[in-house]
Amino acid sequence: MSEEFDAITDPAAAPEDVAFEGALRPATLGEFVGQPKVRGQLEVLLKAAALQSRSPDHILLAGPPGLGKTTLAMIIGNESGRAVRMASGPAIQHAGDLAAILSALVPGEVLFVDEIHRMAKSAEEMLYLAMEDFRIDIVVGKGAGAASVPLELSPFTLVAATTRSGMLPAPLRDRFGFTAHLEYYSSEDLSRVIARSADKLDLRLTAEAGDELARRSRGTPRIANRLLRRVRDWQLVHEGGSDLDAVRGALDLYDVDQHGLDRLDRQVLKTIGRRFRGGPVGLSTLAASVGEEAETIESVVEPFLVREGLLARTPRGRALTDTGMRHIGMDVGSDRLDGV
């Protein structure tokens, strides 16, 4: 069961999940639900570029996983009438990798680079010149006979996504004409996302059932859509009953509680509370204790627990709040380590 549910909150989606999400992906800003401020900003930016018959400025999309950064990149291409070429930061490990991508761009094309903060430093430095002057320098030869040959590029728009904007060097951040900061969704907006997805899947879902699903989706459309898929499976297997029963039955089966916490969330809370008496405990120690990668704890689990007021990041490590202690059934105060 844990492997099945891990795919729900894991930012690295399985191929069938990617296809599922692609079928639900909106194609225009008008269809995109939530993020009203970002949608308004992008609308002005794209319309101004169209009126001036130029490519839009380079755009950085920053925010936690699953909030729609890839979807917005595709919409930017659609709204500006440009083709979108996809790339990933972790796959660009050498300057030559980036040079091959940039030299293949056609005029006006949109280049989307996901997880740009994980791009190699040598490629990152090449990108500075490409973004500003649409040019890169290729080094030919070695040693004393080496020469730098400039290569002109077609004008393009770089749309980059990152979950760690603080890891980007200032020279790179400054070259983006616009940075969009995506925020977690409200339950009301998530209910609208779920209603739209259910309609596309021809799935019967009342407003009450949609609201229940939204409350357990961690403020994240990607998770809401994947949980909706589990509800659809539950309805197929268990014929009859209300769709609210289907939502509750499916989420209970996959260990998603009333607050949206999953197995790993509760394991992290219980480990800090019971093994480390509420904390603080270092990230690497905590990750080893629960058998997960430190990056998974930091990027997938912690943001939600901190936002819900269950966990605190302190200079000495991670510690449960009083609310977190109560959530796992522990008395507040008496079992604490010193200084928490």
Protein backbone atom coordinates (compact mmCIF):
# COMPACT_ATOMS: atom_id res chain seq x y z
CA MET A 1 0.00 0.00 0.00
CA SER A 2 2.83 2.43 0.79
CA GLU A 3 4.33 2.12 -2.69
CA GLU A 4 0.94 2.75 -4.29
CA PHE A 5 0.28 5.88 -2.25
CA ASP A 6 3.83 7.20 -2.51
CA ALA A 7 3.10 7.83 -6.19
CA ILE A 8 0.34 10.23 -5.15
CA THR A 9 2.65 12.70 -3.42
CA ASP A 10 5.92 11.86 -5.17
CA PRO A 11 6.88 14.75 -7.48
CA ALA A 12 8.39 12.24 -9.93
CA ALA A 13 5.20 10.97 -11.52
CA ALA A 14 4.85 7.57 -13.16
CA PRO A 15 4.33 7.59 -16.98
CA GLU A 16 0.64 6.74 -16.66
CA ASP A 17 0.23 9.61 -14.18
CA VAL A 18 1.87 11.99 -16.65
CA ALA A 19 -0.59 10.94 -19.35
CA PHE A 20 -3.48 11.30 -16.90
CA GLU A 21 -2.42 14.80 -15.87
CA GLY A 22 -1.82 15.79 -19.49
CA ALA A 23 -5.42 14.94 -20.37
CA LEU A 24 -6.64 17.27 -17.61
CA ARG A 25 -4.22 20.10 -18.34
CA PRO A 26 -5.86 23.44 -19.31
CA ALA A 27 -4.70 24.98 -22.58
CA THR A 28 -5.37 28.68 -21.91
CA LEU A 29 -5.16 31.16 -19.05
CA GLY A 30 -8.95 31.36 -19.09
CA GLU A 31 -9.21 27.64 -18.34
CA PHE A 32 -6.51 27.73 -15.65
CA VAL A 33 -8.04 27.62 -12.15
CA GLY A 34 -6.45 29.44 -9.22
CA GLN A 35 -3.37 31.71 -8.96
CA PRO A 36 -5.39 34.81 -9.98
CA LYS A 37 -2.51 37.24 -9.44
CA VAL A 38 -0.07 35.22 -11.53
CA ARG A 39 -2.69 34.73 -14.26
CA GLY A 40 -3.31 38.48 -14.42
CA GLN A 41 0.41 39.24 -14.58
CA LEU A 42 1.00 36.71 -17.36
CA GLU A 43 -1.99 37.96 -19.32
CA VAL A 44 -0.59 41.50 -19.42
CA LEU A 45 2.93 40.29 -20.25
CA LEU A 46 1.79 38.06 -23.12
CA LYS A 47 -0.67 40.57 -24.60
CA ALA A 48 1.94 43.35 -24.53
CA ALA A 49 4.40 41.10 -26.38
CA ALA A 50 1.75 40.22 -28.98
CA LEU A 51 0.86 43.89 -29.55
CA GLN A 52 4.54 44.68 -30.15
CA SER A 53 5.07 41.56 -32.34
CA ARG A 54 7.95 40.35 -30.19
CA SER A 55 8.79 37.32 -28.09
CA PRO A 56 7.70 37.55 -24.43
CA ASP A 57 10.35 38.26 -21.81
CA HIS A 58 12.04 35.33 -20.09
CA ILE A 59 9.82 33.98 -17.29
CA LEU A 60 10.71 32.21 -14.04
CA LEU A 61 7.97 30.14 -12.37
CA ALA A 62 8.77 29.53 -8.70
CA GLY A 63 6.84 27.53 -6.13
CA PRO A 64 6.33 24.14 -4.49
CA PRO A 65 5.80 21.00 -6.63
CA GLY A 66 2.41 20.32 -8.17
CA LEU A 67 1.01 23.87 -8.39
CA GLY A 68 0.95 24.14 -12.18
CA LYS A 69 4.35 25.41 -13.31
CA THR A 70 4.60 23.01 -16.26
CA THR A 71 0.97 23.71 -17.18
CA LEU A 72 1.63 27.46 -17.20
CA ALA A 73 4.69 26.94 -19.41
CA MET A 74 2.54 25.09 -21.95
CA ILE A 75 -0.12 27.82 -21.71
CA ILE A 76 2.50 30.52 -22.35
CA GLY A 77 3.39 28.74 -25.58
CA ASN A 78 -0.27 28.37 -26.57
CA GLU A 79 -1.21 31.96 -25.74
CA SER A 80 1.75 33.39 -27.66
CA GLY A 81 1.30 31.00 -30.60
CA ARG A 82 4.77 29.52 -30.15
CA ALA A 83 6.08 25.98 -30.09
CA VAL A 84 7.38 24.75 -26.71
CA ARG A 85 10.59 22.74 -26.42
CA MET A 86 10.94 20.83 -23.15
CA ALA A 87 14.17 20.30 -21.19
CA SER A 88 15.11 19.40 -17.62
CA GLY A 89 17.78 20.94 -15.44
CA PRO A 90 19.17 17.62 -14.10
CA ALA A 91 19.66 16.40 -17.71
CA ILE A 92 21.80 19.43 -18.63
CA GLN A 93 25.07 18.44 -17.00
CA HIS A 94 27.50 20.01 -19.47
CA ALA A 95 27.67 23.25 -21.42
CA GLY A 96 27.58 21.19 -24.61
CA ASP A 97 24.17 19.79 -23.63
CA LEU A 98 22.74 23.29 -23.40
CA ALA A 99 24.51 24.45 -26.57
CA ALA A 100 22.87 21.61 -28.53
CA ILE A 101 19.41 22.59 -27.22
CA LEU A 102 19.84 26.31 -27.85
CA SER A 103 21.29 25.95 -31.34
CA ALA A 104 18.28 23.84 -32.40
CA LEU A 105 15.72 26.49 -31.43
CA VAL A 106 13.72 28.18 -34.17
CA PRO A 107 12.86 31.90 -34.04
CA GLY A 108 10.25 32.70 -31.38
CA GLU A 109 10.27 29.23 -29.81
CA VAL A 110 9.63 28.81 -26.09
CA LEU A 111 12.23 26.79 -24.20
CA PHE A 112 10.90 25.31 -20.96
CA VAL A 113 13.54 24.17 -18.46
CA ASP A 114 12.13 22.36 -15.43
CA GLU A 115 14.12 22.27 -12.17
CA ILE A 116 16.54 24.84 -13.51
CA HIS A 117 18.25 25.07 -10.11
CA ARG A 118 19.72 21.60 -10.78
CA MET A 119 21.44 22.61 -14.02
CA ALA A 120 25.24 22.26 -14.15
CA LYS A 121 27.18 25.44 -13.32
CA SER A 122 29.01 25.47 -16.67
CA ALA A 123 25.68 25.35 -18.54
CA GLU A 124 24.24 27.98 -16.22
CA GLU A 125 27.04 30.42 -17.07
CA MET A 126 26.50 29.80 -20.80
CA LEU A 127 22.83 30.64 -20.32
CA TYR A 128 23.63 34.17 -19.11
CA LEU A 129 24.87 35.29 -22.53
CA ALA A 130 22.18 33.33 -24.38
CA MET A 131 19.36 35.03 -22.43
CA GLU A 132 20.76 38.55 -22.87
CA ASP A 133 22.30 38.59 -26.35
CA PHE A 134 20.93 35.41 -27.96
CA ARG A 135 24.48 34.25 -28.46
CA ILE A 136 26.79 31.61 -27.02
CA ASP A 137 30.55 31.19 -27.25
CA ILE A 138 31.84 27.79 -28.36
CA VAL A 139 35.44 26.91 -27.45
CA VAL A 140 37.20 25.15 -30.32
CA GLY A 141 40.49 23.34 -29.80
CA LYS A 142 42.55 22.83 -26.68
CA GLY A 143 45.45 24.43 -24.90
CA ALA A 144 47.25 27.38 -26.48
CA GLY A 145 45.45 26.83 -29.78
CA ALA A 146 41.95 27.06 -28.29
CA ALA A 147 39.69 29.75 -29.69
CA SER A 148 36.25 31.05 -28.77
CA VAL A 149 33.79 31.09 -31.66
CA PRO A 150 30.54 33.07 -31.22
CA LEU A 151 27.35 31.31 -32.32
CA GLU A 152 24.27 33.43 -32.95
CA LEU A 153 20.98 32.03 -31.66
CA SER A 154 17.42 32.51 -32.81
CA PRO A 155 15.43 34.82 -30.48
CA PHE A 156 13.60 32.67 -27.93
CA THR A 157 11.70 32.91 -24.65
CA LEU A 158 13.07 30.94 -21.72
CA VAL A 159 10.41 29.73 -19.28
CA ALA A 160 12.07 28.10 -16.29
CA ALA A 161 10.54 26.35 -13.28
CA THR A 162 12.08 25.89 -9.86
CA THR A 163 11.03 24.70 -6.43
CA ARG A 164 14.16 26.30 -4.94
CA SER A 165 14.41 29.85 -6.24
CA GLY A 166 16.87 30.68 -3.45
CA MET A 167 19.38 28.26 -4.99
CA LEU A 168 19.55 30.24 -8.23
CA PRO A 169 22.49 32.68 -8.43
CA ALA A 170 21.56 36.35 -8.59
CA PRO A 171 22.99 36.86 -12.12
CA LEU A 172 20.60 34.20 -13.45
CA ARG A 173 17.53 35.43 -11.51
CA ASP A 174 18.16 38.99 -12.71
CA ARG A 175 17.98 37.95 -16.36
CA PHE A 176 14.34 36.92 -16.10
CA GLY A 177 11.97 39.70 -17.07
CA PHE A 178 9.25 38.34 -14.79
CA THR A 179 9.20 35.96 -11.82
CA ALA A 180 5.87 34.35 -10.91
CA HIS A 181 5.54 33.09 -7.35
CA LEU A 182 2.92 30.31 -7.18
CA GLU A 183 1.15 29.72 -3.88
CA TYR A 184 -0.75 26.77 -2.42
CA TYR A 185 -4.39 26.62 -3.45
CA SER A 186 -7.35 27.33 -1.19
CA SER A 187 -9.92 24.58 -0.68
CA GLU A 188 -12.38 26.60 -2.79
CA ASP A 189 -10.01 26.75 -5.77
CA LEU A 190 -9.14 23.08 -5.39
CA SER A 191 -12.84 22.22 -5.43
CA ARG A 192 -13.07 24.00 -8.79
CA VAL A 193 -10.04 22.09 -10.08
CA ILE A 194 -11.60 18.81 -8.98
CA ALA A 195 -14.99 19.66 -10.51
CA ARG A 196 -13.32 20.48 -13.85
CA SER A 197 -11.25 17.27 -13.78
CA ALA A 198 -14.24 15.12 -12.81
CA ASP A 199 -16.22 16.59 -15.69
CA LYS A 200 -13.43 15.75 -18.16
CA LEU A 201 -13.26 12.20 -16.78
CA ASP A 202 -17.05 11.87 -16.96
CA LEU A 203 -16.99 11.09 -13.23
CA ARG A 204 -20.06 11.72 -11.06
CA LEU A 205 -19.03 13.85 -8.09
CA THR A 206 -21.25 16.06 -5.93
CA ALA A 207 -20.09 19.39 -4.57
CA GLU A 208 -19.93 17.91 -1.06
CA ALA A 209 -17.69 15.06 -2.23
CA GLY A 210 -15.49 17.49 -4.18
CA ASP A 211 -15.08 19.69 -1.09
CA GLU A 212 -14.10 16.65 1.00
CA LEU A 213 -11.47 15.69 -1.57
CA ALA A 214 -10.20 19.27 -1.76
CA ARG A 215 -9.71 19.47 2.02
CA ARG A 216 -7.45 16.42 1.89
CA SER A 217 -5.37 17.46 -1.14
CA ARG A 218 -2.68 19.53 0.63
CA GLY A 219 -3.48 22.67 -1.36
CA THR A 220 -1.97 21.05 -4.46
CA PRO A 221 -3.82 20.43 -7.76
CA ARG A 222 -1.51 17.57 -8.78
CA ILE A 223 -2.35 15.68 -5.60
CA ALA A 224 -6.06 16.51 -5.99
CA ASN A 225 -6.09 15.01 -9.48
CA ARG A 226 -4.25 11.87 -8.40
CA LEU A 227 -6.56 11.37 -5.45
CA LEU A 228 -9.48 11.83 -7.85
CA ARG A 229 -8.03 8.98 -9.88
CA ARG A 230 -8.05 6.77 -6.78
CA VAL A 231 -11.68 7.75 -6.12
CA ARG A 232 -12.56 6.80 -9.69
CA ASP A 233 -10.91 3.38 -9.15
CA TRP A 234 -12.82 2.91 -5.89
CA GLN A 235 -16.13 3.67 -7.59
CA LEU A 236 -15.38 1.18 -10.37
CA VAL A 237 -14.62 -1.61 -7.90
CA HIS A 238 -17.35 -0.81 -5.33
CA GLU A 239 -20.52 -0.38 -7.35
CA GLY A 240 -23.27 1.65 -5.71
CA GLY A 241 -23.09 4.01 -2.75
CA SER A 242 -22.76 7.77 -2.80
CA ASP A 243 -19.77 9.52 -4.29
CA LEU A 244 -19.03 11.01 -0.84
CA ASP A 245 -18.68 7.43 0.43
CA ALA A 246 -16.34 6.77 -2.50
CA VAL A 247 -14.13 9.73 -1.58
CA ARG A 248 -13.95 8.73 2.08
CA GLY A 249 -13.51 5.05 1.29
CA ALA A 250 -10.73 5.64 -1.24
CA LEU A 251 -8.80 8.12 0.91
CA ASP A 252 -9.10 5.95 4.01
CA LEU A 253 -7.82 3.00 1.99
CA TYR A 254 -4.78 4.96 0.85
CA ASP A 255 -4.03 6.36 4.32
CA VAL A 256 -4.96 10.00 3.66
CA ASP A 257 -6.43 11.38 6.86
CA GLN A 258 -8.91 14.22 7.44
CA HIS A 259 -6.09 16.80 7.35
CA GLY A 260 -4.49 15.45 4.17
CA LEU A 261 -1.59 13.80 5.99
CA ASP A 262 -0.33 10.56 4.47
CA ARG A 263 1.67 7.67 5.90
CA LEU A 264 5.04 9.43 5.53
CA ASP A 265 3.77 12.66 7.10
CA ARG A 266 2.51 10.80 10.16
CA GLN A 267 5.69 8.73 10.35
CA VAL A 268 7.80 11.90 10.42
CA LEU A 269 5.64 13.40 13.18
CA LYS A 270 5.65 10.21 15.26
CA THR A 271 9.41 9.74 14.85
CA ILE A 272 10.16 13.27 16.05
CA GLY A 273 7.61 13.01 18.85
CA ARG A 274 8.30 9.55 20.20
CA ARG A 275 11.92 8.82 19.34
CA PHE A 276 13.25 12.35 19.81
CA ARG A 277 10.71 13.60 22.38
CA GLY A 278 9.41 16.35 20.12
CA GLY A 279 12.80 17.47 18.79
CA PRO A 280 14.78 19.28 17.70
CA VAL A 281 16.41 16.71 15.43
CA GLY A 282 18.65 17.24 12.40
CA LEU A 283 17.35 16.61 8.90
CA SER A 284 19.83 13.84 8.04
CA THR A 285 19.13 12.04 11.32
CA LEU A 286 15.39 12.33 10.78
CA ALA A 287 15.66 11.05 7.19
CA ALA A 288 17.70 8.04 8.29
CA SER A 289 15.21 7.30 11.07
CA VAL A 290 12.21 7.16 8.71
CA GLY A 291 14.11 5.52 5.85
CA GLU A 292 13.64 8.32 3.31
CA GLU A 293 15.93 10.65 1.39
CA ALA A 294 16.61 13.96 3.11
CA GLU A 295 15.52 15.82 -0.05
CA THR A 296 12.14 14.05 0.03
CA ILE A 297 11.60 15.08 3.64
CA GLU A 298 12.66 18.66 2.94
CA SER A 299 10.84 19.28 -0.34
CA VAL A 300 7.74 17.05 -0.11
CA VAL A 301 6.89 16.51 3.56
CA GLU A 302 8.11 19.56 5.46
CA PRO A 303 6.41 22.39 3.50
CA PHE A 304 2.96 20.97 4.17
CA LEU A 305 3.62 20.15 7.85
CA VAL A 306 5.11 23.60 8.46
CA ARG A 307 2.20 25.29 6.67
CA GLU A 308 -0.29 23.33 8.79
CA GLY A 309 1.50 24.41 11.98
CA LEU A 310 2.50 20.86 12.92
CA LEU A 311 6.28 21.20 12.46
CA ALA A 312 8.82 23.97 13.02
CA ARG A 313 12.27 24.47 11.53
CA THR A 314 14.59 25.71 14.26
CA PRO A 315 18.33 26.53 14.21
CA ARG A 316 18.92 23.22 16.02
CA GLY A 317 16.75 21.10 13.74
CA ARG A 318 13.14 20.04 13.17
CA ALA A 319 10.73 20.13 16.12
CA LEU A 320 7.05 19.45 16.63
CA THR A 321 4.78 22.33 17.57
CA ASP A 322 2.23 21.91 20.33
CA THR A 323 -0.35 21.25 17.61
CA GLY A 324 1.89 18.57 16.15
CA MET A 325 2.32 16.93 19.55
CA ARG A 326 -1.43 16.83 20.04
CA HIS A 327 -1.97 15.49 16.52
CA ILE A 328 -0.05 12.32 17.35
CA GLY A 329 -1.66 11.99 20.79
CA MET A 330 1.24 13.18 22.96
CA ASP A 331 1.00 15.47 25.96
CA VAL A 332 2.41 18.93 25.35
CA GLY A 333 5.37 20.07 27.42
CA SER A 334 6.35 17.25 29.72
CA ASP A 335 8.26 15.13 27.19
CA ARG A 336 10.03 17.97 25.43
CA LEU A 337 13.77 18.19 24.99
CA ASP A 338 15.45 21.27 26.44
CA GLY A 339 15.11 24.50 24.52
CA VAL A 340 11.95 23.65 22.54
